[in-house]
mmCIF file of all heavy atoms, coordinates in Angstrom:
data_MODEL
# 
_entry.id   MODEL 
# 
loop_
_atom_site.group_PDB 
_atom_site.id 
_atom_site.type_symbol 
_atom_site.label_atom_id 
_atom_site.label_alt_id 
_atom_site.label_comp_id 
_atom_site.label_asym_id 
_atom_site.label_entity_id 
_atom_site.label_seq_id 
_atom_site.pdbx_PDB_ins_code 
_atom_site.Cartn_x 
_atom_site.Cartn_y 
_atom_site.Cartn_z 
_atom_site.occupancy 
_atom_site.B_iso_or_equiv 
_atom_site.pdbx_formal_charge 
_atom_site.auth_seq_id 
_atom_site.auth_comp_id 
_atom_site.auth_asym_id 
_atom_site.auth_atom_id 
_atom_site.pdbx_PDB_model_num 
ATOM 1   N N   . ALA A 1 1  ? 5.330  57.306 93.490  1.00 0.00 ? 1  ALA A N   1 
ATOM 2   C CA  . ALA A 1 1  ? 5.335  57.780 92.112  1.00 0.00 ? 1  ALA A CA  1 
ATOM 3   C C   . ALA A 1 1  ? 4.088  58.582 91.793  1.00 0.00 ? 1  ALA A C   1 
ATOM 4   O O   . ALA A 1 1  ? 4.105  59.500 90.990  1.00 0.00 ? 1  ALA A O   1 
ATOM 5   C CB  . ALA A 1 1  ? 5.447  56.588 91.156  1.00 0.00 ? 1  ALA A CB  1 
ATOM 6   N N   . ALA A 1 2  ? 2.937  58.239 92.414  1.00 0.00 ? 2  ALA A N   1 
ATOM 7   C CA  . ALA A 1 2  ? 1.685  58.892 92.072  1.00 0.00 ? 2  ALA A CA  1 
ATOM 8   C C   . ALA A 1 2  ? 1.482  60.211 92.802  1.00 0.00 ? 2  ALA A C   1 
ATOM 9   O O   . ALA A 1 2  ? 0.613  60.981 92.445  1.00 0.00 ? 2  ALA A O   1 
ATOM 10  C CB  . ALA A 1 2  ? 0.520  57.959 92.393  1.00 0.00 ? 2  ALA A CB  1 
ATOM 11  N N   . GLY A 1 3  ? 2.228  60.492 93.835  1.00 0.00 ? 3  GLY A N   1 
ATOM 12  C CA  . GLY A 1 3  ? 2.023  61.736 94.558  1.00 0.00 ? 3  GLY A CA  1 
ATOM 13  C C   . GLY A 1 3  ? 2.804  61.799 95.850  1.00 0.00 ? 3  GLY A C   1 
ATOM 14  O O   . GLY A 1 3  ? 3.779  61.084 96.046  1.00 0.00 ? 3  GLY A O   1 
ATOM 15  N N   . ARG A 1 4  ? 2.357  62.649 96.733  1.00 0.00 ? 4  ARG A N   1 
ATOM 16  C CA  . ARG A 1 4  ? 3.055  62.930 97.978  1.00 0.00 ? 4  ARG A CA  1 
ATOM 17  C C   . ARG A 1 4  ? 2.509  62.033 99.078  1.00 0.00 ? 4  ARG A C   1 
ATOM 18  O O   . ARG A 1 4  ? 1.309  62.024 99.346  1.00 0.00 ? 4  ARG A O   1 
ATOM 19  C CB  . ARG A 1 4  ? 2.847  64.398 98.328  1.00 0.00 ? 4  ARG A CB  1 
ATOM 20  C CG  . ARG A 1 4  ? 3.743  64.940 99.407  1.00 0.00 ? 4  ARG A CG  1 
ATOM 21  C CD  . ARG A 1 4  ? 3.372  66.398 99.657  1.00 0.00 ? 4  ARG A CD  1 
ATOM 22  N NE  . ARG A 1 4  ? 4.305  67.027 100.555 1.00 0.00 ? 4  ARG A NE  1 
ATOM 23  C CZ  . ARG A 1 4  ? 5.356  67.733 100.150 1.00 0.00 ? 4  ARG A CZ  1 
ATOM 24  N NH1 . ARG A 1 4  ? 5.594  67.854 98.861  1.00 0.00 ? 4  ARG A NH1 1 
ATOM 25  N NH2 . ARG A 1 4  ? 6.153  68.307 101.025 1.00 0.00 ? 4  ARG A NH2 1 
ATOM 26  N N   . GLU A 1 5  ? 3.383  61.312 99.736  1.00 0.00 ? 5  GLU A N   1 
ATOM 27  C CA  . GLU A 1 5  ? 2.962  60.347 100.756 1.00 0.00 ? 5  GLU A CA  1 
ATOM 28  C C   . GLU A 1 5  ? 2.849  61.001 102.125 1.00 0.00 ? 5  GLU A C   1 
ATOM 29  O O   . GLU A 1 5  ? 3.722  61.740 102.550 1.00 0.00 ? 5  GLU A O   1 
ATOM 30  C CB  . GLU A 1 5  ? 3.961  59.197 100.831 1.00 0.00 ? 5  GLU A CB  1 
ATOM 31  C CG  . GLU A 1 5  ? 3.563  58.149 101.854 1.00 0.00 ? 5  GLU A CG  1 
ATOM 32  C CD  . GLU A 1 5  ? 4.722  57.269 102.245 1.00 0.00 ? 5  GLU A CD  1 
ATOM 33  O OE1 . GLU A 1 5  ? 5.875  57.714 102.141 1.00 0.00 ? 5  GLU A OE1 1 
ATOM 34  O OE2 . GLU A 1 5  ? 4.457  56.134 102.659 1.00 0.00 ? 5  GLU A OE2 1 
ATOM 35  N N   . ARG A 1 6  ? 1.735  60.695 102.806 1.00 0.00 ? 6  ARG A N   1 
ATOM 36  C CA  . ARG A 1 6  ? 1.556  61.127 104.183 1.00 0.00 ? 6  ARG A CA  1 
ATOM 37  C C   . ARG A 1 6  ? 1.087  59.934 105.007 1.00 0.00 ? 6  ARG A C   1 
ATOM 38  O O   . ARG A 1 6  ? 0.240  59.161 104.568 1.00 0.00 ? 6  ARG A O   1 
ATOM 39  C CB  . ARG A 1 6  ? 0.549  62.269 104.276 1.00 0.00 ? 6  ARG A CB  1 
ATOM 40  C CG  . ARG A 1 6  ? 1.053  63.585 103.678 1.00 0.00 ? 6  ARG A CG  1 
ATOM 41  C CD  . ARG A 1 6  ? 0.004  64.694 103.809 1.00 0.00 ? 6  ARG A CD  1 
ATOM 42  N NE  . ARG A 1 6  ? 0.534  65.985 103.369 1.00 0.00 ? 6  ARG A NE  1 
ATOM 43  C CZ  . ARG A 1 6  ? 0.535  66.404 102.114 1.00 0.00 ? 6  ARG A CZ  1 
ATOM 44  N NH1 . ARG A 1 6  ? 0.049  65.607 101.168 1.00 0.00 ? 6  ARG A NH1 1 
ATOM 45  N NH2 . ARG A 1 6  ? 1.017  67.584 101.795 1.00 0.00 ? 6  ARG A NH2 1 
ATOM 46  N N   . LEU A 1 7  ? 1.642  59.804 106.187 1.00 0.00 ? 7  LEU A N   1 
ATOM 47  C CA  . LEU A 1 7  ? 1.259  58.734 107.099 1.00 0.00 ? 7  LEU A CA  1 
ATOM 48  C C   . LEU A 1 7  ? 0.513  59.360 108.276 1.00 0.00 ? 7  LEU A C   1 
ATOM 49  O O   . LEU A 1 7  ? 0.864  60.441 108.737 1.00 0.00 ? 7  LEU A O   1 
ATOM 50  C CB  . LEU A 1 7  ? 2.500  57.983 107.580 1.00 0.00 ? 7  LEU A CB  1 
ATOM 51  C CG  . LEU A 1 7  ? 3.355  57.343 106.479 1.00 0.00 ? 7  LEU A CG  1 
ATOM 52  C CD1 . LEU A 1 7  ? 4.622  56.731 107.065 1.00 0.00 ? 7  LEU A CD1 1 
ATOM 53  C CD2 . LEU A 1 7  ? 2.569  56.299 105.723 1.00 0.00 ? 7  LEU A CD2 1 
ATOM 54  N N   . HIS A 1 8  ? -0.502 58.640 108.765 1.00 0.00 ? 8  HIS A N   1 
ATOM 55  C CA  . HIS A 1 8  ? -1.377 59.193 109.797 1.00 0.00 ? 8  HIS A CA  1 
ATOM 56  C C   . HIS A 1 8  ? -1.555 58.204 110.939 1.00 0.00 ? 8  HIS A C   1 
ATOM 57  O O   . HIS A 1 8  ? -1.709 56.999 110.712 1.00 0.00 ? 8  HIS A O   1 
ATOM 58  C CB  . HIS A 1 8  ? -2.751 59.528 109.207 1.00 0.00 ? 8  HIS A CB  1 
ATOM 59  C CG  . HIS A 1 8  ? -2.702 60.325 107.940 1.00 0.00 ? 8  HIS A CG  1 
ATOM 60  N ND1 . HIS A 1 8  ? -2.627 61.693 107.916 1.00 0.00 ? 8  HIS A ND1 1 
ATOM 61  C CD2 . HIS A 1 8  ? -2.693 59.918 106.639 1.00 0.00 ? 8  HIS A CD2 1 
ATOM 62  C CE1 . HIS A 1 8  ? -2.585 62.117 106.662 1.00 0.00 ? 8  HIS A CE1 1 
ATOM 63  N NE2 . HIS A 1 8  ? -2.623 61.057 105.864 1.00 0.00 ? 8  HIS A NE2 1 
ATOM 64  N N   . PHE A 1 9  ? -1.568 58.730 112.174 1.00 0.00 ? 9  PHE A N   1 
ATOM 65  C CA  . PHE A 1 9  ? -1.867 57.908 113.347 1.00 0.00 ? 9  PHE A CA  1 
ATOM 66  C C   . PHE A 1 9  ? -2.336 58.816 114.474 1.00 0.00 ? 9  PHE A C   1 
ATOM 67  O O   . PHE A 1 9  ? -1.769 59.879 114.703 1.00 0.00 ? 9  PHE A O   1 
ATOM 68  C CB  . PHE A 1 9  ? -0.632 57.107 113.802 1.00 0.00 ? 9  PHE A CB  1 
ATOM 69  C CG  . PHE A 1 9  ? 0.495  57.959 114.329 1.00 0.00 ? 9  PHE A CG  1 
ATOM 70  C CD1 . PHE A 1 9  ? 0.637  58.201 115.701 1.00 0.00 ? 9  PHE A CD1 1 
ATOM 71  C CD2 . PHE A 1 9  ? 1.396  58.556 113.463 1.00 0.00 ? 9  PHE A CD2 1 
ATOM 72  C CE1 . PHE A 1 9  ? 1.656  59.003 116.182 1.00 0.00 ? 9  PHE A CE1 1 
ATOM 73  C CE2 . PHE A 1 9  ? 2.427  59.361 113.936 1.00 0.00 ? 9  PHE A CE2 1 
ATOM 74  C CZ  . PHE A 1 9  ? 2.565  59.578 115.304 1.00 0.00 ? 9  PHE A CZ  1 
ATOM 75  N N   . GLU A 1 10 ? -3.392 58.428 115.152 1.00 0.00 ? 10 GLU A N   1 
ATOM 76  C CA  . GLU A 1 10 ? -3.891 59.137 116.337 1.00 0.00 ? 10 GLU A CA  1 
ATOM 77  C C   . GLU A 1 10 ? -3.996 60.650 116.136 1.00 0.00 ? 10 GLU A C   1 
ATOM 78  O O   . GLU A 1 10 ? -3.714 61.438 117.037 1.00 0.00 ? 10 GLU A O   1 
ATOM 79  C CB  . GLU A 1 10 ? -2.979 58.853 117.540 1.00 0.00 ? 10 GLU A CB  1 
ATOM 80  C CG  . GLU A 1 10 ? -2.852 57.396 117.912 1.00 0.00 ? 10 GLU A CG  1 
ATOM 81  C CD  . GLU A 1 10 ? -4.128 56.844 118.531 1.00 0.00 ? 10 GLU A CD  1 
ATOM 82  O OE1 . GLU A 1 10 ? -4.988 57.646 118.935 1.00 0.00 ? 10 GLU A OE1 1 
ATOM 83  O OE2 . GLU A 1 10 ? -4.262 55.602 118.603 1.00 0.00 ? 10 GLU A OE2 1 
ATOM 84  N N   . GLY A 1 11 ? -4.401 61.072 114.942 1.00 0.00 ? 11 GLY A N   1 
ATOM 85  C CA  . GLY A 1 11 ? -4.529 62.500 114.659 1.00 0.00 ? 11 GLY A CA  1 
ATOM 86  C C   . GLY A 1 11 ? -3.251 63.173 114.197 1.00 0.00 ? 11 GLY A C   1 
ATOM 87  O O   . GLY A 1 11 ? -3.257 64.356 113.847 1.00 0.00 ? 11 GLY A O   1 
ATOM 88  N N   . TRP A 1 12 ? -2.149 62.436 114.209 1.00 0.00 ? 12 TRP A N   1 
ATOM 89  C CA  . TRP A 1 12 ? -0.865 62.969 113.762 1.00 0.00 ? 12 TRP A CA  1 
ATOM 90  C C   . TRP A 1 12 ? -0.680 62.719 112.273 1.00 0.00 ? 12 TRP A C   1 
ATOM 91  O O   . TRP A 1 12 ? -1.184 61.740 111.735 1.00 0.00 ? 12 TRP A O   1 
ATOM 92  C CB  . TRP A 1 12 ? 0.290  62.325 114.530 1.00 0.00 ? 12 TRP A CB  1 
ATOM 93  C CG  . TRP A 1 12 ? 0.363  62.748 115.961 1.00 0.00 ? 12 TRP A CG  1 
ATOM 94  C CD1 . TRP A 1 12 ? -0.495 62.398 116.966 1.00 0.00 ? 12 TRP A CD1 1 
ATOM 95  C CD2 . TRP A 1 12 ? 1.344  63.593 116.551 1.00 0.00 ? 12 TRP A CD2 1 
ATOM 96  N NE1 . TRP A 1 12 ? -0.123 62.976 118.149 1.00 0.00 ? 12 TRP A NE1 1 
ATOM 97  C CE2 . TRP A 1 12 ? 1.017  63.723 117.927 1.00 0.00 ? 12 TRP A CE2 1 
ATOM 98  C CE3 . TRP A 1 12 ? 2.455  64.265 116.066 1.00 0.00 ? 12 TRP A CE3 1 
ATOM 99  C CZ2 . TRP A 1 12 ? 1.763  64.492 118.804 1.00 0.00 ? 12 TRP A CZ2 1 
ATOM 100 C CZ3 . TRP A 1 12 ? 3.217  65.026 116.946 1.00 0.00 ? 12 TRP A CZ3 1 
ATOM 101 C CH2 . TRP A 1 12 ? 2.866  65.129 118.288 1.00 0.00 ? 12 TRP A CH2 1 
ATOM 102 N N   . THR A 1 13 ? 0.083  63.595 111.608 1.00 0.00 ? 13 THR A N   1 
ATOM 103 C CA  . THR A 1 13 ? 0.385  63.446 110.188 1.00 0.00 ? 13 THR A CA  1 
ATOM 104 C C   . THR A 1 13 ? 1.885  63.584 109.962 1.00 0.00 ? 13 THR A C   1 
ATOM 105 O O   . THR A 1 13 ? 2.519  64.503 110.495 1.00 0.00 ? 13 THR A O   1 
ATOM 106 C CB  . THR A 1 13 ? -0.343 64.515 109.354 1.00 0.00 ? 13 THR A CB  1 
ATOM 107 O OG1 . THR A 1 13 ? -1.754 64.345 109.504 1.00 0.00 ? 13 THR A OG1 1 
ATOM 108 C CG2 . THR A 1 13 ? 0.016  64.376 107.869 1.00 0.00 ? 13 THR A CG2 1 
ATOM 109 N N   . VAL A 1 14 ? 2.431  62.668 109.180 1.00 0.00 ? 14 VAL A N   1 
ATOM 110 C CA  . VAL A 1 14 ? 3.854  62.699 108.836 1.00 0.00 ? 14 VAL A CA  1 
ATOM 111 C C   . VAL A 1 14 ? 3.975  62.837 107.321 1.00 0.00 ? 14 VAL A C   1 
ATOM 112 O O   . VAL A 1 14 ? 3.572  61.943 106.572 1.00 0.00 ? 14 VAL A O   1 
ATOM 113 C CB  . VAL A 1 14 ? 4.577  61.424 109.310 1.00 0.00 ? 14 VAL A CB  1 
ATOM 114 C CG1 . VAL A 1 14 ? 6.042  61.456 108.879 1.00 0.00 ? 14 VAL A CG1 1 
ATOM 115 C CG2 . VAL A 1 14 ? 4.454  61.269 110.816 1.00 0.00 ? 14 VAL A CG2 1 
ATOM 116 N N   . ASP A 1 15 ? 4.472  63.981 106.879 1.00 0.00 ? 15 ASP A N   1 
ATOM 117 C CA  . ASP A 1 15 ? 4.736  64.216 105.460 1.00 0.00 ? 15 ASP A CA  1 
ATOM 118 C C   . ASP A 1 15 ? 6.143  63.688 105.190 1.00 0.00 ? 15 ASP A C   1 
ATOM 119 O O   . ASP A 1 15 ? 7.135  64.288 105.593 1.00 0.00 ? 15 ASP A O   1 
ATOM 120 C CB  . ASP A 1 15 ? 4.648  65.711 105.154 1.00 0.00 ? 15 ASP A CB  1 
ATOM 121 C CG  . ASP A 1 15 ? 4.770  66.021 103.668 1.00 0.00 ? 15 ASP A CG  1 
ATOM 122 O OD1 . ASP A 1 15 ? 5.525  65.306 102.974 1.00 0.00 ? 15 ASP A OD1 1 
ATOM 123 O OD2 . ASP A 1 15 ? 4.124  66.972 103.198 1.00 0.00 ? 15 ASP A OD2 1 
ATOM 124 N N   . VAL A 1 16 ? 6.217  62.546 104.509 1.00 0.00 ? 16 VAL A N   1 
ATOM 125 C CA  . VAL A 1 16 ? 7.497  61.859 104.358 1.00 0.00 ? 16 VAL A CA  1 
ATOM 126 C C   . VAL A 1 16 ? 8.480  62.662 103.520 1.00 0.00 ? 16 VAL A C   1 
ATOM 127 O O   . VAL A 1 16 ? 9.650  62.807 103.873 1.00 0.00 ? 16 VAL A O   1 
ATOM 128 C CB  . VAL A 1 16 ? 7.284  60.455 103.757 1.00 0.00 ? 16 VAL A CB  1 
ATOM 129 C CG1 . VAL A 1 16 ? 8.623  59.762 103.521 1.00 0.00 ? 16 VAL A CG1 1 
ATOM 130 C CG2 . VAL A 1 16 ? 6.404  59.615 104.678 1.00 0.00 ? 16 VAL A CG2 1 
ATOM 131 N N   . ALA A 1 17 ? 8.018  63.203 102.387 1.00 0.00 ? 17 ALA A N   1 
ATOM 132 C CA  . ALA A 1 17 ? 8.927  63.931 101.497 1.00 0.00 ? 17 ALA A CA  1 
ATOM 133 C C   . ALA A 1 17 ? 9.472  65.188 102.165 1.00 0.00 ? 17 ALA A C   1 
ATOM 134 O O   . ALA A 1 17 ? 10.655 65.504 102.052 1.00 0.00 ? 17 ALA A O   1 
ATOM 135 C CB  . ALA A 1 17 ? 8.209  64.287 100.195 1.00 0.00 ? 17 ALA A CB  1 
ATOM 136 N N   . ALA A 1 18 ? 8.599  65.920 102.873 1.00 0.00 ? 18 ALA A N   1 
ATOM 137 C CA  . ALA A 1 18 ? 9.020  67.161 103.530 1.00 0.00 ? 18 ALA A CA  1 
ATOM 138 C C   . ALA A 1 18 ? 9.640  66.908 104.891 1.00 0.00 ? 18 ALA A C   1 
ATOM 139 O O   . ALA A 1 18 ? 10.162 67.832 105.510 1.00 0.00 ? 18 ALA A O   1 
ATOM 140 C CB  . ALA A 1 18 ? 7.815  68.093 103.685 1.00 0.00 ? 18 ALA A CB  1 
ATOM 141 N N   . ARG A 1 19 ? 9.556  65.640 105.360 1.00 0.00 ? 19 ARG A N   1 
ATOM 142 C CA  . ARG A 1 19 ? 10.067 65.274 106.678 1.00 0.00 ? 19 ARG A CA  1 
ATOM 143 C C   . ARG A 1 19 ? 9.450  66.184 107.748 1.00 0.00 ? 19 ARG A C   1 
ATOM 144 O O   . ARG A 1 19 ? 10.135 66.706 108.628 1.00 0.00 ? 19 ARG A O   1 
ATOM 145 C CB  . ARG A 1 19 ? 11.594 65.335 106.710 1.00 0.00 ? 19 ARG A CB  1 
ATOM 146 C CG  . ARG A 1 19 ? 12.249 64.499 105.646 1.00 0.00 ? 19 ARG A CG  1 
ATOM 147 C CD  . ARG A 1 19 ? 13.760 64.606 105.677 1.00 0.00 ? 19 ARG A CD  1 
ATOM 148 N NE  . ARG A 1 19 ? 14.332 63.873 106.780 1.00 0.00 ? 19 ARG A NE  1 
ATOM 149 C CZ  . ARG A 1 19 ? 14.588 62.556 106.774 1.00 0.00 ? 19 ARG A CZ  1 
ATOM 150 N NH1 . ARG A 1 19 ? 14.323 61.827 105.711 1.00 0.00 ? 19 ARG A NH1 1 
ATOM 151 N NH2 . ARG A 1 19 ? 15.120 61.968 107.834 1.00 0.00 ? 19 ARG A NH2 1 
ATOM 152 N N   . ARG A 1 20 ? 8.116  66.337 107.648 1.00 0.00 ? 20 ARG A N   1 
ATOM 153 C CA  . ARG A 1 20 ? 7.388  67.252 108.523 1.00 0.00 ? 20 ARG A CA  1 
ATOM 154 C C   . ARG A 1 20 ? 6.372  66.459 109.344 1.00 0.00 ? 20 ARG A C   1 
ATOM 155 O O   . ARG A 1 20 ? 5.604  65.659 108.808 1.00 0.00 ? 20 ARG A O   1 
ATOM 156 C CB  . ARG A 1 20 ? 6.679  68.311 107.683 1.00 0.00 ? 20 ARG A CB  1 
ATOM 157 C CG  . ARG A 1 20 ? 6.035  69.435 108.472 1.00 0.00 ? 20 ARG A CG  1 
ATOM 158 C CD  . ARG A 1 20 ? 5.628  70.563 107.528 1.00 0.00 ? 20 ARG A CD  1 
ATOM 159 N NE  . ARG A 1 20 ? 5.096  71.705 108.264 1.00 0.00 ? 20 ARG A NE  1 
ATOM 160 C CZ  . ARG A 1 20 ? 3.804  71.901 108.467 1.00 0.00 ? 20 ARG A CZ  1 
ATOM 161 N NH1 . ARG A 1 20 ? 2.916  71.046 107.976 1.00 0.00 ? 20 ARG A NH1 1 
ATOM 162 N NH2 . ARG A 1 20 ? 3.392  72.954 109.140 1.00 0.00 ? 20 ARG A NH2 1 
ATOM 163 N N   . VAL A 1 21 ? 6.363  66.702 110.649 1.00 0.00 ? 21 VAL A N   1 
ATOM 164 C CA  . VAL A 1 21 ? 5.460  65.998 111.562 1.00 0.00 ? 21 VAL A CA  1 
ATOM 165 C C   . VAL A 1 21 ? 4.553  67.024 112.231 1.00 0.00 ? 21 VAL A C   1 
ATOM 166 O O   . VAL A 1 21 ? 5.041  67.992 112.826 1.00 0.00 ? 21 VAL A O   1 
ATOM 167 C CB  . VAL A 1 21 ? 6.255  65.224 112.628 1.00 0.00 ? 21 VAL A CB  1 
ATOM 168 C CG1 . VAL A 1 21 ? 5.307  64.506 113.581 1.00 0.00 ? 21 VAL A CG1 1 
ATOM 169 C CG2 . VAL A 1 21 ? 7.204  64.220 111.974 1.00 0.00 ? 21 VAL A CG2 1 
ATOM 170 N N   . THR A 1 22 ? 3.245  66.825 112.122 1.00 0.00 ? 22 THR A N   1 
ATOM 171 C CA  . THR A 1 22 ? 2.299  67.743 112.743 1.00 0.00 ? 22 THR A CA  1 
ATOM 172 C C   . THR A 1 22 ? 1.358  66.975 113.661 1.00 0.00 ? 22 THR A C   1 
ATOM 173 O O   . THR A 1 22 ? 0.946  65.856 113.372 1.00 0.00 ? 22 THR A O   1 
ATOM 174 C CB  . THR A 1 22 ? 1.468  68.494 111.682 1.00 0.00 ? 22 THR A CB  1 
ATOM 175 O OG1 . THR A 1 22 ? 0.860  67.548 110.793 1.00 0.00 ? 22 THR A OG1 1 
ATOM 176 C CG2 . THR A 1 22 ? 2.344  69.436 110.883 1.00 0.00 ? 22 THR A CG2 1 
ATOM 177 N N   . GLY A 1 23 ? 1.014  67.600 114.771 1.00 0.00 ? 23 GLY A N   1 
ATOM 178 C CA  . GLY A 1 23 ? 0.140  66.979 115.754 1.00 0.00 ? 23 GLY A CA  1 
ATOM 179 C C   . GLY A 1 23 ? -1.323 67.188 115.433 1.00 0.00 ? 23 GLY A C   1 
ATOM 180 O O   . GLY A 1 23 ? -1.672 67.841 114.439 1.00 0.00 ? 23 GLY A O   1 
ATOM 181 N N   . PRO A 1 24 ? -2.228 66.660 116.253 1.00 0.00 ? 24 PRO A N   1 
ATOM 182 C CA  . PRO A 1 24 ? -3.664 66.810 116.032 1.00 0.00 ? 24 PRO A CA  1 
ATOM 183 C C   . PRO A 1 24 ? -4.117 68.264 115.974 1.00 0.00 ? 24 PRO A C   1 
ATOM 184 O O   . PRO A 1 24 ? -5.123 68.572 115.335 1.00 0.00 ? 24 PRO A O   1 
ATOM 185 C CB  . PRO A 1 24 ? -4.271 66.090 117.240 1.00 0.00 ? 24 PRO A CB  1 
ATOM 186 C CG  . PRO A 1 24 ? -3.230 65.099 117.653 1.00 0.00 ? 24 PRO A CG  1 
ATOM 187 C CD  . PRO A 1 24 ? -1.929 65.791 117.404 1.00 0.00 ? 24 PRO A CD  1 
ATOM 188 N N   . ASP A 1 25 ? -3.378 69.171 116.636 1.00 0.00 ? 25 ASP A N   1 
ATOM 189 C CA  . ASP A 1 25 ? -3.737 70.585 116.620 1.00 0.00 ? 25 ASP A CA  1 
ATOM 190 C C   . ASP A 1 25 ? -3.154 71.330 115.430 1.00 0.00 ? 25 ASP A C   1 
ATOM 191 O O   . ASP A 1 25 ? -3.337 72.554 115.300 1.00 0.00 ? 25 ASP A O   1 
ATOM 192 C CB  . ASP A 1 25 ? -3.278 71.261 117.915 1.00 0.00 ? 25 ASP A CB  1 
ATOM 193 C CG  . ASP A 1 25 ? -1.766 71.177 118.118 1.00 0.00 ? 25 ASP A CG  1 
ATOM 194 O OD1 . ASP A 1 25 ? -1.080 70.516 117.298 1.00 0.00 ? 25 ASP A OD1 1 
ATOM 195 O OD2 . ASP A 1 25 ? -1.260 71.753 119.110 1.00 0.00 ? 25 ASP A OD2 1 
ATOM 196 N N   . GLY A 1 26 ? -2.437 70.600 114.542 1.00 0.00 ? 26 GLY A N   1 
ATOM 197 C CA  . GLY A 1 26 ? -1.851 71.223 113.364 1.00 0.00 ? 26 GLY A CA  1 
ATOM 198 C C   . GLY A 1 26 ? -0.492 71.835 113.587 1.00 0.00 ? 26 GLY A C   1 
ATOM 199 O O   . GLY A 1 26 ? 0.139  72.319 112.638 1.00 0.00 ? 26 GLY A O   1 
ATOM 200 N N   . ALA A 1 27 ? -0.009 71.830 114.833 1.00 0.00 ? 27 ALA A N   1 
ATOM 201 C CA  . ALA A 1 27 ? 1.306  72.408 115.130 1.00 0.00 ? 27 ALA A CA  1 
ATOM 202 C C   . ALA A 1 27 ? 2.415  71.437 114.731 1.00 0.00 ? 27 ALA A C   1 
ATOM 203 O O   . ALA A 1 27 ? 2.301  70.233 114.956 1.00 0.00 ? 27 ALA A O   1 
ATOM 204 C CB  . ALA A 1 27 ? 1.414  72.744 116.611 1.00 0.00 ? 27 ALA A CB  1 
# 
């Protein structure tokens, strides 16, 4: 409710709303 959720592990980022997964290099 407060904003956009992102989950992080080992340099990876998962944008839950956009269903977007990016690696440590940003790709």
